[in-house]
C-alpha atoms as a PDB file:
ATOM      1  CA  MET A   1      25.151 -44.053   2.309  1.00  0.00           C
ATOM      2  CA  THR A   2      22.920 -46.897   3.719  1.00  0.00           C
ATOM      3  CA  ILE A   3      19.265 -47.173   2.520  1.00  0.00           C
ATOM      4  CA  MET A   4      16.889 -48.967   4.659  1.00  0.00           C
ATOM      5  CA  THR A   5      13.475 -49.995   3.524  1.00  0.00           C
ATOM      6  CA  ALA A   6      10.843 -51.407   6.032  1.00  0.00           C
ATOM      7  CA  PRO A   7       7.199 -51.444   5.996  1.00  0.00           C
ATOM      8  CA  LEU A   8       5.332 -48.763   7.593  1.00  0.00           C
ATOM      9  CA  THR A   9       2.806 -50.145  10.355  1.00  0.00           C
ATOM     10  CA  ASN A  10       1.204 -47.060  11.517  1.00  0.00           C
ATOM     11  CA  ALA A  11       0.481 -43.310  11.274  1.00  0.00           C
ATOM     12  CA  ARG A  12       3.129 -42.641  13.721  1.00  0.00           C
ATOM     13  CA  ASP A  13       5.688 -44.474  11.625  1.00  0.00           C
ATOM     14  CA  VAL A  14       4.267 -42.824   8.363  1.00  0.00           C
ATOM     15  CA  ALA A  15       4.739 -39.493   9.822  1.00  0.00           C
ATOM     16  CA  ARG A  16       8.060 -40.517  11.168  1.00  0.00           C
ATOM     17  CA  HIS A  17       9.395 -42.097   7.900  1.00  0.00           C
ATOM     18  CA  THR A  18       8.028 -40.087   4.958  1.00  0.00           C
ATOM     19  CA  VAL A  19      10.706 -39.021   2.540  1.00  0.00           C
ATOM     20  CA  PRO A  20      11.332 -35.325   2.412  1.00  0.00           C
ATOM     21  CA  SER A  21       9.419 -33.519  -0.878  1.00  0.00           C
ATOM     22  CA  PHE A  22      11.883 -32.595  -3.632  1.00  0.00           C
ATOM     23  CA  PRO A  23      12.462 -29.012  -2.486  1.00  0.00           C
ATOM     24  CA  THR A  24      13.643 -29.545   0.667  1.00  0.00           C
ATOM     25  CA  PHE A  25      16.937 -31.302  -0.767  1.00  0.00           C
ATOM     26  CA  ALA A  26      19.763 -29.206   0.341  1.00  0.00           C
ATOM     27  CA  ALA A  27      21.852 -27.833  -2.608  1.00  0.00           C
ATOM     28  CA  THR A  28      25.613 -28.360  -2.279  1.00  0.00           C
ATOM     29  CA  SER A  29      28.536 -27.862  -4.057  1.00  0.00           C
ATOM     30  CA  ILE A  30      30.434 -30.867  -3.502  1.00  0.00           C
ATOM     31  CA  MET A  31      29.298 -34.477  -3.206  1.00  0.00           C
ATOM     32  CA  ALA A  32      31.267 -36.487  -1.050  1.00  0.00           C
ATOM     33  CA  TYR A  33      32.005 -39.802  -2.853  1.00  0.00           C
ATOM     34  CA  MET A  34      31.642 -43.159  -0.841  1.00  0.00           C
ATOM     35  CA  ASP A  35      32.759 -45.823  -2.993  1.00  0.00           C
ATOM     36  CA  PRO A  36      29.926 -48.310  -2.704  1.00  0.00           C
ATOM     37  CA  LEU A  37      32.556 -51.211  -2.833  1.00  0.00           C
ATOM     38  CA  ASP A  38      34.167 -50.675   0.431  1.00  0.00           C
ATOM     39  CA  GLU A  39      32.641 -51.869   3.622  1.00  0.00           C
ATOM     40  CA  ASP A  40      29.647 -50.058   5.278  1.00  0.00           C
ATOM     41  CA  GLU A  41      31.097 -47.512   8.420  1.00  0.00           C
ATOM     42  CA  PRO A  42      29.081 -46.372  11.486  1.00  0.00           C
ATOM     43  CA  SER A  43      29.398 -42.649   9.778  1.00  0.00           C
ATOM     44  CA  ASP A  44      27.724 -43.559   6.436  1.00  0.00           C
ATOM     45  CA  ASP A  45      24.407 -41.240   6.256  1.00  0.00           C
ATOM     46  CA  VAL A  46      21.453 -43.168   6.767  1.00  0.00           C
ATOM     47  CA  VAL A  47      18.735 -42.424   4.252  1.00  0.00           C
ATOM     48  CA  VAL A  48      15.013 -43.997   5.096  1.00  0.00           C
ATOM     49  CA  THR A  49      13.212 -44.643   1.844  1.00  0.00           C
ATOM     50  CA  THR A  50      10.671 -46.993   0.046  1.00  0.00           C
ATOM     51  CA  ARG A  51      11.468 -49.677  -2.505  1.00  0.00           C
ATOM     52  CA  ARG A  52       9.296 -47.365  -5.139  1.00  0.00           C
ATOM     53  CA  ALA A  53      12.042 -44.535  -4.495  1.00  0.00           C
ATOM     54  CA  ILE A  54      14.766 -46.456  -5.037  1.00  0.00           C
ATOM     55  CA  SER A  55      13.241 -47.705  -7.979  1.00  0.00           C
ATOM     56  CA  ARG A  56      13.061 -43.963  -9.743  1.00  0.00           C
ATOM     57  CA  VAL A  57      16.994 -43.504  -8.884  1.00  0.00           C
ATOM     58  CA  ALA A  58      17.690 -46.899 -10.603  1.00  0.00           C
ATOM     59  CA  LEU A  59      15.422 -45.717 -13.549  1.00  0.00           C
ATOM     60  CA  VAL A  60      17.034 -42.232 -14.029  1.00  0.00           C
ATOM     61  CA  ALA A  61      20.527 -44.057 -13.731  1.00  0.00           C
ATOM     62  CA  SER A  62      19.702 -46.536 -16.255  1.00  0.00           C
ATOM     63  CA  GLU A  63      18.278 -43.441 -18.709  1.00  0.00           C
ATOM     64  CA  ALA A  64      21.512 -41.858 -18.033  1.00  0.00           C
ATOM     65  CA  ALA A  65      23.762 -44.493 -18.937  1.00  0.00           C
ATOM     66  CA  GLY A  66      21.539 -45.835 -21.782  1.00  0.00           C
ATOM     67  CA  ARG A  67      21.750 -42.356 -23.184  1.00  0.00           C
ATOM     68  CA  PHE A  68      25.228 -41.513 -22.924  1.00  0.00           C
ATOM     69  CA  GLN A  69      26.218 -45.039 -24.638  1.00  0.00           C
ATOM     70  CA  ARG A  70      23.670 -44.627 -27.421  1.00  0.00           C
ATOM     71  CA  GLU A  71      25.115 -41.053 -27.919  1.00  0.00           C
ATOM     72  CA  GLY A  72      28.679 -41.535 -27.320  1.00  0.00           C
ATOM     73  CA  VAL A  73      28.379 -39.215 -24.330  1.00  0.00           C
ATOM     74  CA  ALA A  74      31.984 -38.583 -23.001  1.00  0.00           C
ATOM     75  CA  HIS A  75      30.515 -38.222 -19.739  1.00  0.00           C
ATOM     76  CA  ASP A  76      30.601 -40.872 -16.563  1.00  0.00           C
ATOM     77  CA  PRO A  77      26.893 -41.335 -16.146  1.00  0.00           C
ATOM     78  CA  MET A  78      27.903 -42.189 -11.980  1.00  0.00           C
ATOM     79  CA  THR A  79      29.055 -38.809 -11.943  1.00  0.00           C
ATOM     80  CA  TRP A  80      26.314 -37.343 -13.450  1.00  0.00           C
ATOM     81  CA  MET A  81      24.394 -39.099 -10.993  1.00  0.00           C
ATOM     82  CA  LEU A  82      26.668 -37.472  -8.037  1.00  0.00           C
ATOM     83  CA  ALA A  83      26.530 -34.074  -9.320  1.00  0.00           C
ATOM     84  CA  PRO A  84      24.778 -31.056  -8.371  1.00  0.00           C
ATOM     85  CA  ARG A  85      22.302 -30.337 -10.979  1.00  0.00           C
ATOM     86  CA  VAL A  86      20.622 -27.004 -11.923  1.00  0.00           C
ATOM     87  CA  LEU A  87      17.276 -29.370 -12.718  1.00  0.00           C
ATOM     88  CA  PHE A  88      16.899 -30.648  -9.539  1.00  0.00           C
ATOM     89  CA  SER A  89      17.439 -27.255  -7.610  1.00  0.00           C
ATOM     90  CA  GLY A  90      21.097 -27.852  -6.863  1.00  0.00           C
ATOM     91  CA  ALA A  91      20.703 -31.397  -5.539  1.00  0.00           C
ATOM     92  CA  THR A  92      22.100 -34.453  -7.002  1.00  0.00           C
ATOM     93  CA  ALA A  93      19.835 -36.986  -9.120  1.00  0.00           C
ATOM     94  CA  LEU A  94      20.936 -39.619  -6.162  1.00  0.00           C
ATOM     95  CA  ASP A  95      19.208 -37.687  -3.342  1.00  0.00           C
ATOM     96  CA  ALA A  96      16.463 -35.674  -5.798  1.00  0.00           C
ATOM     97  CA  CYS A  97      15.424 -38.674  -7.871  1.00  0.00           C
ATOM     98  CA  LEU A  98      13.858 -40.470  -5.223  1.00  0.00           C
ATOM     99  CA  GLU A  99      10.777 -37.980  -5.242  1.00  0.00           C
ATOM    100  CA  ARG A 100       8.592 -38.342  -8.239  1.00  0.00           C
ATOM    101  CA  GLY A 101       8.988 -34.958  -9.799  1.00  0.00           C
ATOM    102  CA  ALA A 102      12.275 -34.960  -9.889  1.00  0.00           C
ATOM    103  CA  CYS A 103      12.789 -38.805 -11.606  1.00  0.00           C
ATOM    104  CA  LEU A 104      10.148 -37.310 -14.276  1.00  0.00           C
ATOM    105  CA  ARG A 105      12.636 -34.611 -14.903  1.00  0.00           C
ATOM    106  CA  GLY A 106      15.456 -36.762 -15.319  1.00  0.00           C
ATOM    107  CA  ILE A 107      13.472 -39.093 -17.540  1.00  0.00           C
ATOM    108  CA  LEU A 108      12.862 -36.421 -19.762  1.00  0.00           C
ATOM    109  CA  LEU A 109      16.069 -34.879 -19.984  1.00  0.00           C
ATOM    110  CA  HIS A 110      17.749 -37.880 -21.037  1.00  0.00           C
ATOM    111  CA  GLY A 111      15.013 -39.217 -23.014  1.00  0.00           C
ATOM    112  CA  LEU A 112      14.739 -36.043 -25.311  1.00  0.00           C
ATOM    113  CA  SER A 113      18.840 -35.734 -25.038  1.00  0.00           C
ATOM    114  CA  ILE A 114      18.233 -32.097 -24.023  1.00  0.00           C
ATOM    115  CA  GLY A 115      21.959 -31.724 -22.628  1.00  0.00           C
ATOM    116  CA  LEU A 116      23.476 -32.666 -19.167  1.00  0.00           C
ATOM    117  CA  ASP A 117      21.256 -30.188 -17.249  1.00  0.00           C
ATOM    118  CA  ALA A 118      18.259 -27.663 -17.864  1.00  0.00           C
ATOM    119  CA  GLU A 119      16.322 -25.188 -16.068  1.00  0.00           C
ATOM    120  CA  PRO A 120      13.327 -27.001 -14.146  1.00  0.00           C
ATOM    121  CA  ALA A 121      10.701 -24.939 -15.184  1.00  0.00           C
ATOM    122  CA  ALA A 122      11.660 -25.778 -19.246  1.00  0.00           C
ATOM    123  CA  ILE A 123      11.273 -29.484 -18.221  1.00  0.00           C
ATOM    124  CA  ASP A 124       8.405 -28.854 -16.143  1.00  0.00           C
ATOM    125  CA  ALA A 125       6.534 -27.560 -19.247  1.00  0.00           C
ATOM    126  CA  LEU A 126       7.061 -30.831 -20.772  1.00  0.00           C
ATOM    127  CA  ALA A 127       4.860 -32.752 -18.657  1.00  0.00           C
ATOM    128  CA  SER A 128       1.564 -31.934 -17.086  1.00  0.00           C
ATOM    129  CA  ASP A 129       0.896 -32.257 -13.332  1.00  0.00           C
ATOM    130  CA  ASP A 130      -2.579 -33.995 -14.447  1.00  0.00           C
ATOM    131  CA  ASP A 131      -3.080 -37.530 -14.167  1.00  0.00           C
ATOM    132  CA  GLU A 132      -0.712 -39.709 -16.588  1.00  0.00           C
ATOM    133  CA  ASP A 133      -3.661 -41.096 -18.468  1.00  0.00           C
ATOM    134  CA  GLU A 134      -5.488 -37.724 -19.126  1.00  0.00           C
ATOM    135  CA  ASP A 135      -5.505 -37.031 -22.644  1.00  0.00           C
ATOM    136  CA  ILE A 136      -3.405 -33.915 -24.075  1.00  0.00           C
ATOM    137  CA  ASP A 137      -5.440 -31.713 -26.221  1.00  0.00           C
ATOM    138  CA  PHE A 138      -3.884 -31.315 -29.791  1.00  0.00           C
ATOM    139  CA  THR A 139      -6.485 -28.676 -31.037  1.00  0.00           C
ATOM    140  CA  GLY A 140      -5.200 -25.829 -32.803  1.00  0.00           C
ATOM    141  CA  VAL A 141      -1.509 -27.467 -33.209  1.00  0.00           C
ATOM    142  CA  GLU A 142      -0.775 -28.146 -36.654  1.00  0.00           C
ATOM    143  CA  PHE A 143       1.471 -31.164 -37.897  1.00  0.00           C
ATOM    144  CA  GLU A 144       3.140 -31.158 -40.539  1.00  0.00           C
ATOM    145  CA  ARG A 145       3.697 -34.502 -43.069  1.00  0.00           C
ATOM    146  CA  GLY A 146       5.885 -35.108 -45.988  1.00  0.00           C
ATOM    147  CA  TYR A 147       6.189 -37.939 -48.207  1.00  0.00           C
ATOM    148  CA  GLY A 148       7.524 -41.204 -46.582  1.00  0.00           C
ATOM    149  CA  HIS A 149       9.011 -44.164 -47.783  1.00  0.00           C
ATOM    150  CA  GLY A 150       5.991 -45.763 -46.930  1.00  0.00           C
ATOM    151  CA  GLY A 151       3.012 -44.087 -48.623  1.00  0.00           C
ATOM    152  CA  GLU A 152       1.522 -40.865 -49.369  1.00  0.00           C
ATOM    153  CA  GLY A 153       1.608 -37.774 -47.426  1.00  0.00           C
ATOM    154  CA  GLU A 154       0.141 -34.062 -47.788  1.00  0.00           C
ATOM    155  CA  LEU A 155       3.018 -31.542 -49.113  1.00  0.00           C
ATOM    156  CA  SER A 156       4.160 -29.290 -45.819  1.00  0.00           C
ATOM    157  CA  PRO A 157       1.718 -26.445 -45.665  1.00  0.00           C
ATOM    158  CA  PHE A 158       5.301 -24.066 -44.771  1.00  0.00           C
ATOM    159  CA  ASP A 159       6.781 -22.446 -47.117  1.00  0.00           C
ATOM    160  CA  ARG A 160      10.482 -22.745 -45.998  1.00  0.00           C
ATOM    161  CA  ASP A 161      13.628 -23.174 -46.983  1.00  0.00           C
ATOM    162  CA  GLN A 162      14.721 -26.792 -47.797  1.00  0.00           C
ATOM    163  CA  GLY A 163      18.173 -26.126 -46.198  1.00  0.00           C
ATOM    164  CA  GLU A 164      16.636 -25.246 -42.651  1.00  0.00           C
ATOM    165  CA  PRO A 165      16.990 -27.979 -40.034  1.00  0.00           C
ATOM    166  CA  ARG A 166      13.200 -28.918 -39.269  1.00  0.00           C
ATOM    167  CA  LEU A 167      11.956 -31.882 -37.673  1.00  0.00           C
ATOM    168  CA  PHE A 168      11.310 -35.130 -38.806  1.00  0.00           C
ATOM    169  CA  THR A 169      10.434 -38.454 -37.521  1.00  0.00           C
ATOM    170  CA  ALA A 170      10.335 -42.064 -38.569  1.00  0.00           C
ATOM    171  CA  THR A 171       8.447 -45.295 -37.617  1.00  0.00           C
ATOM    172  CA  VAL A 172      10.073 -48.570 -38.594  1.00  0.00           C
ATOM    173  CA  ILE A 173       8.567 -52.278 -38.349  1.00  0.00           C
ATOM    174  CA  ALA A 174      10.905 -54.629 -39.239  1.00  0.00           C
ATOM    175  CA  ASN A 175      10.960 -58.408 -39.150  1.00  0.00           C
ATOM    176  CA  ASP A 176      14.232 -60.744 -40.245  1.00  0.00           C
ATOM    177  CA  GLY A 177      12.563 -63.885 -39.367  1.00  0.00           C
ATOM    178  CA  PHE A 178      14.108 -64.104 -35.996  1.00  0.00           C
ATOM    179  CA  GLU A 179      13.166 -60.777 -34.150  1.00  0.00           C
ATOM    180  CA  ILE A 180      10.534 -58.260 -34.971  1.00  0.00           C
ATOM    181  CA  VAL A 181      11.794 -54.586 -34.152  1.00  0.00           C
ATOM    182  CA  GLN A 182       9.192 -51.518 -33.756  1.00  0.00           C
ATOM    183  CA  ALA A 183      11.037 -48.120 -33.520  1.00  0.00           C
ATOM    184  CA  PHE A 184      10.050 -44.565 -33.449  1.00  0.00           C
ATOM    185  CA  HIS A 185      12.980 -41.775 -34.019  1.00  0.00           C
ATOM    186  CA  ALA A 186      12.885 -38.048 -34.248  1.00  0.00           C
ATOM    187  CA  SER A 187      15.463 -35.563 -34.635  1.00  0.00           C
ATOM    188  CA  LEU A 188      16.382 -32.478 -36.825  1.00  0.00           C
ATOM    189  CA  ALA A 189      17.638 -32.544 -40.387  1.00  0.00           C
ATOM    190  CA  SER A 190      17.604 -30.348 -43.686  1.00  0.00           C
ATOM    191  CA  ASP A 191      16.016 -33.460 -45.933  1.00  0.00           C
ATOM    192  CA  GLU A 192      14.784 -37.042 -45.362  1.00  0.00           C
ATOM    193  CA  SER A 193      18.140 -38.515 -46.525  1.00  0.00           C
ATOM    194  CA  GLU A 194      19.939 -37.208 -43.584  1.00  0.00           C
ATOM    195  CA  ILE A 195      17.390 -39.032 -41.280  1.00  0.00           C
ATOM    196  CA  ALA A 196      17.447 -42.315 -43.604  1.00  0.00           C
ATOM    197  CA  GLY A 197      21.268 -42.210 -43.114  1.00  0.00           C
ATOM    198  CA  ARG A 198      21.114 -41.983 -39.056  1.00  0.00           C
ATOM    199  CA  LEU A 199      18.408 -44.730 -39.110  1.00  0.00           C
ATOM    200  CA  TYR A 200      21.198 -46.982 -41.289  1.00  0.00           C
ATOM    201  CA  MET A 201      23.784 -46.542 -38.781  1.00  0.00           C
ATOM    202  CA  ARG A 202      21.770 -47.018 -36.168  1.00  0.00           C
ATOM    203  CA  MET A 203      19.496 -50.198 -37.217  1.00  0.00           C
ATOM    204  CA  GLY A 204      21.297 -51.272 -40.360  1.00  0.00           C
ATOM    205  CA  ALA A 205      18.902 -53.459 -43.081  1.00  0.00           C
ATOM    206  CA  ALA A 206      16.280 -53.029 -40.366  1.00  0.00           C
ATOM    207  CA  MET A 207      15.361 -49.387 -41.368  1.00  0.00           C
ATOM    208  CA  ALA A 208      14.894 -50.887 -45.435  1.00  0.00           C
ATOM    209  CA  ASP A 209      10.915 -50.266 -44.780  1.00  0.00           C
ATOM    210  CA  ALA A 210      11.214 -46.909 -42.461  1.00  0.00           C
ATOM    211  CA  VAL A 211       8.376 -44.513 -43.081  1.00  0.00           C
ATOM    212  CA  ILE A 212       9.871 -40.786 -42.777  1.00  0.00           C
ATOM    213  CA  VAL A 213       7.996 -37.816 -42.527  1.00  0.00           C
ATOM    214  CA  GLU A 214       8.660 -34.125 -42.239  1.00  0.00           C
ATOM    215  CA  GLY A 215       7.090 -32.765 -38.772  1.00  0.00           C
ATOM    216  CA  PHE A 216       5.146 -35.582 -36.446  1.00  0.00           C
ATOM    217  CA  ASP A 217       1.995 -37.172 -36.601  1.00  0.00           C
ATOM    218  CA  PRO A 218       0.737 -38.201 -33.140  1.00  0.00           C
ATOM    219  CA  THR A 219      -2.217 -40.177 -34.543  1.00  0.00           C
ATOM    220  CA  ALA A 220      -0.208 -42.710 -36.337  1.00  0.00           C
ATOM    221  CA  PRO A 221      -0.606 -46.344 -34.372  1.00  0.00           C
ATOM    222  CA  LEU A 222       3.228 -46.983 -33.606  1.00  0.00           C
ATOM    223  CA  VAL A 223       3.459 -43.773 -32.363  1.00  0.00           C
ATOM    224  CA  GLY A 224       0.539 -44.467 -30.038  1.00  0.00           C
ATOM    225  CA  ALA A 225       2.114 -47.403 -29.092  1.00  0.00           C
ATOM    226  CA  LEU A 226       5.455 -46.152 -28.454  1.00  0.00           C
ATOM    227  CA  VAL A 227       5.843 -42.690 -27.365  1.00  0.00           C
ATOM    228  CA  SER A 228       4.141 -41.205 -24.164  1.00  0.00           C
ATOM    229  CA  LYS A 229       1.560 -38.508 -24.589  1.00  0.00           C
ATOM    230  CA  ALA A 230       4.182 -35.804 -22.693  1.00  0.00           C
ATOM    231  CA  ILE A 231       6.806 -36.439 -25.780  1.00  0.00           C
ATOM    232  CA  CYS A 232       4.056 -36.288 -28.318  1.00  0.00           C
ATOM    233  CA  HIS A 233       3.352 -33.024 -26.547  1.00  0.00           C
ATOM    234  CA  THR A 234       7.053 -31.892 -27.083  1.00  0.00           C
ATOM    235  CA  LEU A 235       7.421 -32.999 -30.436  1.00  0.00           C
ATOM    236  CA  ALA A 236       4.247 -31.185 -31.257  1.00  0.00           C
ATOM    237  CA  LEU A 237       5.825 -28.080 -30.109  1.00  0.00           C
ATOM    238  CA  ILE A 238       9.260 -28.705 -32.063  1.00  0.00           C
ATOM    239  CA  ALA A 239       7.332 -29.683 -34.958  1.00  0.00           C
ATOM    240  CA  SER A 240       6.099 -26.144 -35.161  1.00  0.00           C
ATOM    241  CA  ASP A 241       8.776 -24.148 -34.066  1.00  0.00           C
ATOM    242  CA  PRO A 242      12.283 -26.068 -34.721  1.00  0.00           C
ATOM    243  CA  ALA A 243      14.287 -23.218 -33.922  1.00  0.00           C
ATOM    244  CA  SER A 244      12.823 -23.298 -30.103  1.00  0.00           C
ATOM    245  CA  PRO A 245      15.035 -24.331 -27.048  1.00  0.00           C
ATOM    246  CA  LEU A 246      13.433 -27.718 -27.011  1.00  0.00           C
ATOM    247  CA  ALA A 247      14.772 -28.817 -30.432  1.00  0.00           C
ATOM    248  CA  ALA A 248      18.217 -28.079 -29.642  1.00  0.00           C
ATOM    249  CA  GLY A 249      20.074 -31.496 -29.876  1.00  0.00           C
ATOM    250  CA  ILE A 250      17.001 -33.397 -30.044  1.00  0.00           C
ATOM    251  CA  ASP A 251      17.656 -37.604 -31.397  1.00  0.00           C
ATOM    252  CA  LEU A 252      14.858 -39.359 -29.854  1.00  0.00           C
ATOM    253  CA  ASN A 253      14.917 -43.196 -30.324  1.00  0.00           C
ATOM    254  CA  ILE A 254      12.353 -45.336 -29.068  1.00  0.00           C
ATOM    255  CA  GLU A 255      12.507 -49.321 -29.659  1.00  0.00           C
ATOM    256  CA  GLN A 256      11.118 -52.693 -28.753  1.00  0.00           C
ATOM    257  CA  ARG A 257      12.048 -55.958 -29.722  1.00  0.00           C
ATOM    258  CA  PHE A 258      10.205 -59.387 -29.805  1.00  0.00           C
ATOM    259  CA  LEU A 259      11.242 -62.495 -30.889  1.00  0.00           C
ATOM    260  CA  ALA A 260       9.524 -63.672 -34.014  1.00  0.00           C
END
């Protein structure tokens, strides 16, 4: 497959070169693999697209590869990109993610660790079609809080068996004199100690000052800095119903690092 990019100089060029919208990608059961290390052939398919669209594909590919490495998923990210997916209505990520809507679906699938495929409607429910800067209304959504390492919180108002998996979230700010780490974690567990263990395995001594709470508080300053509004909305839903399909397999980790 050869990808060409070129400036669109007039309305006729725009009409001729506009990338097809997502639903027009044809579903296929077998994707012919073309070795990217081979020389180009005259018979290669030509795809006219834009640099922005190529960046979307690269973004989804990097999200998939990063997640598979982080979680130890025994699946090749290149194979995932080239295989037909229900998530993309039977198209491959390589084709579908040229379009913004499919790109968002791919990012949410891997960002929230929701398996390797999902129904499009289930993923679309996590994100709004409105402008990205529009505030999500959390009115009426109850957020559970617990006791964390960093200070007091309210006891959970829900009277549940302590053995039931429920959502825990954690924020970490660590400075070892060389590097500043800011991190957010969310996963299901029976108690706070499980989360502490996961953070230690992932971050080592940097998690010593972690603030771990039961449930999710979207007003926490570090949450506002690291977590997108769409994911905040999803975590609020999971906190209110940890048994929902949205919660299955969730292991969300977001980090940013700076030189001290």
